[in-house]
Amino acid sequence: MTEDLLGHATDLLGDRRVGAVELRFLAGRLSESLRVVVRIAESRGARLEVPGP
């Protein structure tokens, strides 16, 4: 989903005719996507073994 959203963001940001409503919607979806990415990264990081001294 994130890759598709990034492509869509590139298209929207390149179009000067896009209004505030569309940009606000895009920002909301990007925020949702980033939350998922952070959650996955934290989950994977928590499973990594940390070498001891």
N, C-alpha and C. Protein backbone atom coordinates (compact mmCIF):
# COMPACT_ATOMS: atom_id res chain seq x y z
N MET A 1 0.83 -1.19 0.00
CA MET A 1 0.00 0.00 0.00
C MET A 1 0.87 1.26 0.00
N THR A 2 1.96 1.21 0.76
CA THR A 2 2.80 2.40 0.87
C THR A 2 3.40 2.79 -0.47
N GLU A 3 3.86 1.81 -1.23
CA GLU A 3 4.44 2.12 -2.55
C GLU A 3 3.42 2.77 -3.47
N ASP A 4 2.20 2.23 -3.48
CA ASP A 4 1.14 2.82 -4.30
C ASP A 4 0.85 4.25 -3.85
N LEU A 5 0.81 4.44 -2.55
CA LEU A 5 0.51 5.76 -1.99
C LEU A 5 1.60 6.76 -2.34
N LEU A 6 2.86 6.34 -2.30
CA LEU A 6 3.96 7.23 -2.66
C LEU A 6 3.87 7.64 -4.13
N GLY A 7 3.52 6.71 -4.99
CA GLY A 7 3.34 7.05 -6.40
C GLY A 7 2.21 8.04 -6.60
N HIS A 8 1.13 7.82 -5.89
CA HIS A 8 -0.02 8.73 -5.96
C HIS A 8 0.37 10.11 -5.43
N ALA A 9 1.15 10.14 -4.35
CA ALA A 9 1.58 11.41 -3.78
C ALA A 9 2.43 12.19 -4.78
N THR A 10 3.32 11.50 -5.46
CA THR A 10 4.17 12.15 -6.46
C THR A 10 3.32 12.79 -7.55
N ASP A 11 2.30 12.06 -8.00
CA ASP A 11 1.42 12.59 -9.04
C ASP A 11 0.64 13.81 -8.53
N LEU A 12 0.06 13.69 -7.34
CA LEU A 12 -0.74 14.81 -6.81
C LEU A 12 0.11 16.05 -6.56
N LEU A 13 1.29 15.86 -6.00
CA LEU A 13 2.13 17.01 -5.68
C LEU A 13 2.67 17.69 -6.94
N GLY A 14 2.69 16.97 -8.04
CA GLY A 14 3.14 17.56 -9.29
C GLY A 14 2.05 18.29 -10.05
N ASP A 15 0.82 18.18 -9.57
CA ASP A 15 -0.33 18.80 -10.24
C ASP A 15 -0.74 20.06 -9.48
N ARG A 16 -0.53 21.21 -10.09
CA ARG A 16 -0.84 22.48 -9.42
C ARG A 16 -2.35 22.70 -9.24
N ARG A 17 -3.16 21.90 -9.91
CA ARG A 17 -4.62 22.07 -9.80
C ARG A 17 -5.21 21.36 -8.58
N VAL A 18 -4.41 20.57 -7.89
CA VAL A 18 -4.89 19.82 -6.72
C VAL A 18 -5.16 20.79 -5.59
N GLY A 19 -6.32 20.60 -4.96
CA GLY A 19 -6.73 21.52 -3.89
C GLY A 19 -6.40 21.01 -2.50
N ALA A 20 -6.78 21.82 -1.54
CA ALA A 20 -6.49 21.54 -0.13
C ALA A 20 -7.16 20.26 0.34
N VAL A 21 -8.36 19.99 -0.12
CA VAL A 21 -9.08 18.78 0.31
C VAL A 21 -8.32 17.53 -0.10
N GLU A 22 -7.87 17.51 -1.35
CA GLU A 22 -7.12 16.35 -1.84
C GLU A 22 -5.79 16.20 -1.10
N LEU A 23 -5.12 17.31 -0.86
CA LEU A 23 -3.83 17.25 -0.15
C LEU A 23 -4.01 16.82 1.30
N ARG A 24 -5.07 17.27 1.93
CA ARG A 24 -5.36 16.87 3.31
C ARG A 24 -5.65 15.37 3.37
N PHE A 25 -6.40 14.87 2.41
CA PHE A 25 -6.69 13.44 2.34
C PHE A 25 -5.39 12.65 2.15
N LEU A 26 -4.54 13.11 1.23
CA LEU A 26 -3.26 12.47 0.99
C LEU A 26 -2.42 12.45 2.26
N ALA A 27 -2.35 13.57 2.96
CA ALA A 27 -1.57 13.65 4.20
C ALA A 27 -2.08 12.64 5.23
N GLY A 28 -3.38 12.48 5.32
CA GLY A 28 -3.96 11.51 6.24
C GLY A 28 -3.56 10.09 5.90
N ARG A 29 -3.63 9.74 4.61
CA ARG A 29 -3.25 8.39 4.20
C ARG A 29 -1.76 8.15 4.39
N LEU A 30 -0.94 9.16 4.10
CA LEU A 30 0.51 9.03 4.31
C LEU A 30 0.82 8.82 5.79
N SER A 31 0.11 9.53 6.66
CA SER A 31 0.31 9.37 8.10
C SER A 31 -0.06 7.96 8.55
N GLU A 32 -1.17 7.45 8.06
CA GLU A 32 -1.57 6.08 8.38
C GLU A 32 -0.50 5.09 7.94
N SER A 33 0.00 5.28 6.74
CA SER A 33 1.00 4.38 6.19
C SER A 33 2.29 4.43 7.01
N LEU A 34 2.70 5.63 7.40
CA LEU A 34 3.91 5.75 8.22
C LEU A 34 3.74 5.08 9.58
N ARG A 35 2.54 5.18 10.16
CA ARG A 35 2.29 4.50 11.44
C ARG A 35 2.49 2.99 11.30
N VAL A 36 2.00 2.43 10.21
CA VAL A 36 2.16 1.00 9.97
C VAL A 36 3.63 0.64 9.79
N VAL A 37 4.36 1.45 9.02
CA VAL A 37 5.77 1.19 8.78
C VAL A 37 6.55 1.24 10.10
N VAL A 38 6.26 2.22 10.94
CA VAL A 38 6.94 2.33 12.24
C VAL A 38 6.60 1.13 13.12
N ARG A 39 5.34 0.74 13.14
CA ARG A 39 4.93 -0.42 13.95
C ARG A 39 5.68 -1.68 13.51
N ILE A 40 5.79 -1.88 12.21
CA ILE A 40 6.51 -3.06 11.69
C ILE A 40 7.99 -2.98 12.05
N ALA A 41 8.60 -1.81 11.89
CA ALA A 41 10.03 -1.66 12.21
C ALA A 41 10.28 -1.91 13.69
N GLU A 42 9.41 -1.40 14.56
CA GLU A 42 9.57 -1.62 15.99
C GLU A 42 9.40 -3.09 16.33
N SER A 43 8.44 -3.73 15.70
CA SER A 43 8.20 -5.15 15.95
C SER A 43 9.40 -5.98 15.53
N ARG A 44 9.94 -5.70 14.37
CA ARG A 44 11.11 -6.44 13.89
C ARG A 44 12.33 -6.14 14.75
N GLY A 45 12.49 -4.89 15.16
CA GLY A 45 13.62 -4.52 15.99
C GLY A 45 13.56 -5.19 17.36
N ALA A 46 12.36 -5.37 17.89
CA ALA A 46 12.20 -6.01 19.19
C ALA A 46 12.58 -7.48 19.12
N ARG A 47 12.53 -8.08 17.95
CA ARG A 47 12.86 -9.50 17.80
C ARG A 47 14.34 -9.73 17.53
N LEU A 48 15.09 -8.66 17.31
CA LEU A 48 16.51 -8.82 17.04
C LEU A 48 17.25 -9.10 18.33
N GLU A 49 18.23 -9.98 18.22
CA GLU A 49 19.06 -10.28 19.38
C GLU A 49 20.09 -9.19 19.53
N VAL A 50 20.22 -8.67 20.75
CA VAL A 50 21.22 -7.64 21.03
C VAL A 50 22.43 -8.34 21.64
N PRO A 51 23.59 -8.23 21.00
CA PRO A 51 24.77 -8.90 21.54
C PRO A 51 25.16 -8.30 22.88
N GLY A 52 25.50 -9.16 23.83
CA GLY A 52 25.90 -8.72 25.16
C GLY A 52 27.36 -8.35 25.20
N PRO A 53 27.77 -7.70 26.29
CA PRO A 53 29.18 -7.28 26.42
C PRO A 53 30.11 -8.46 26.60
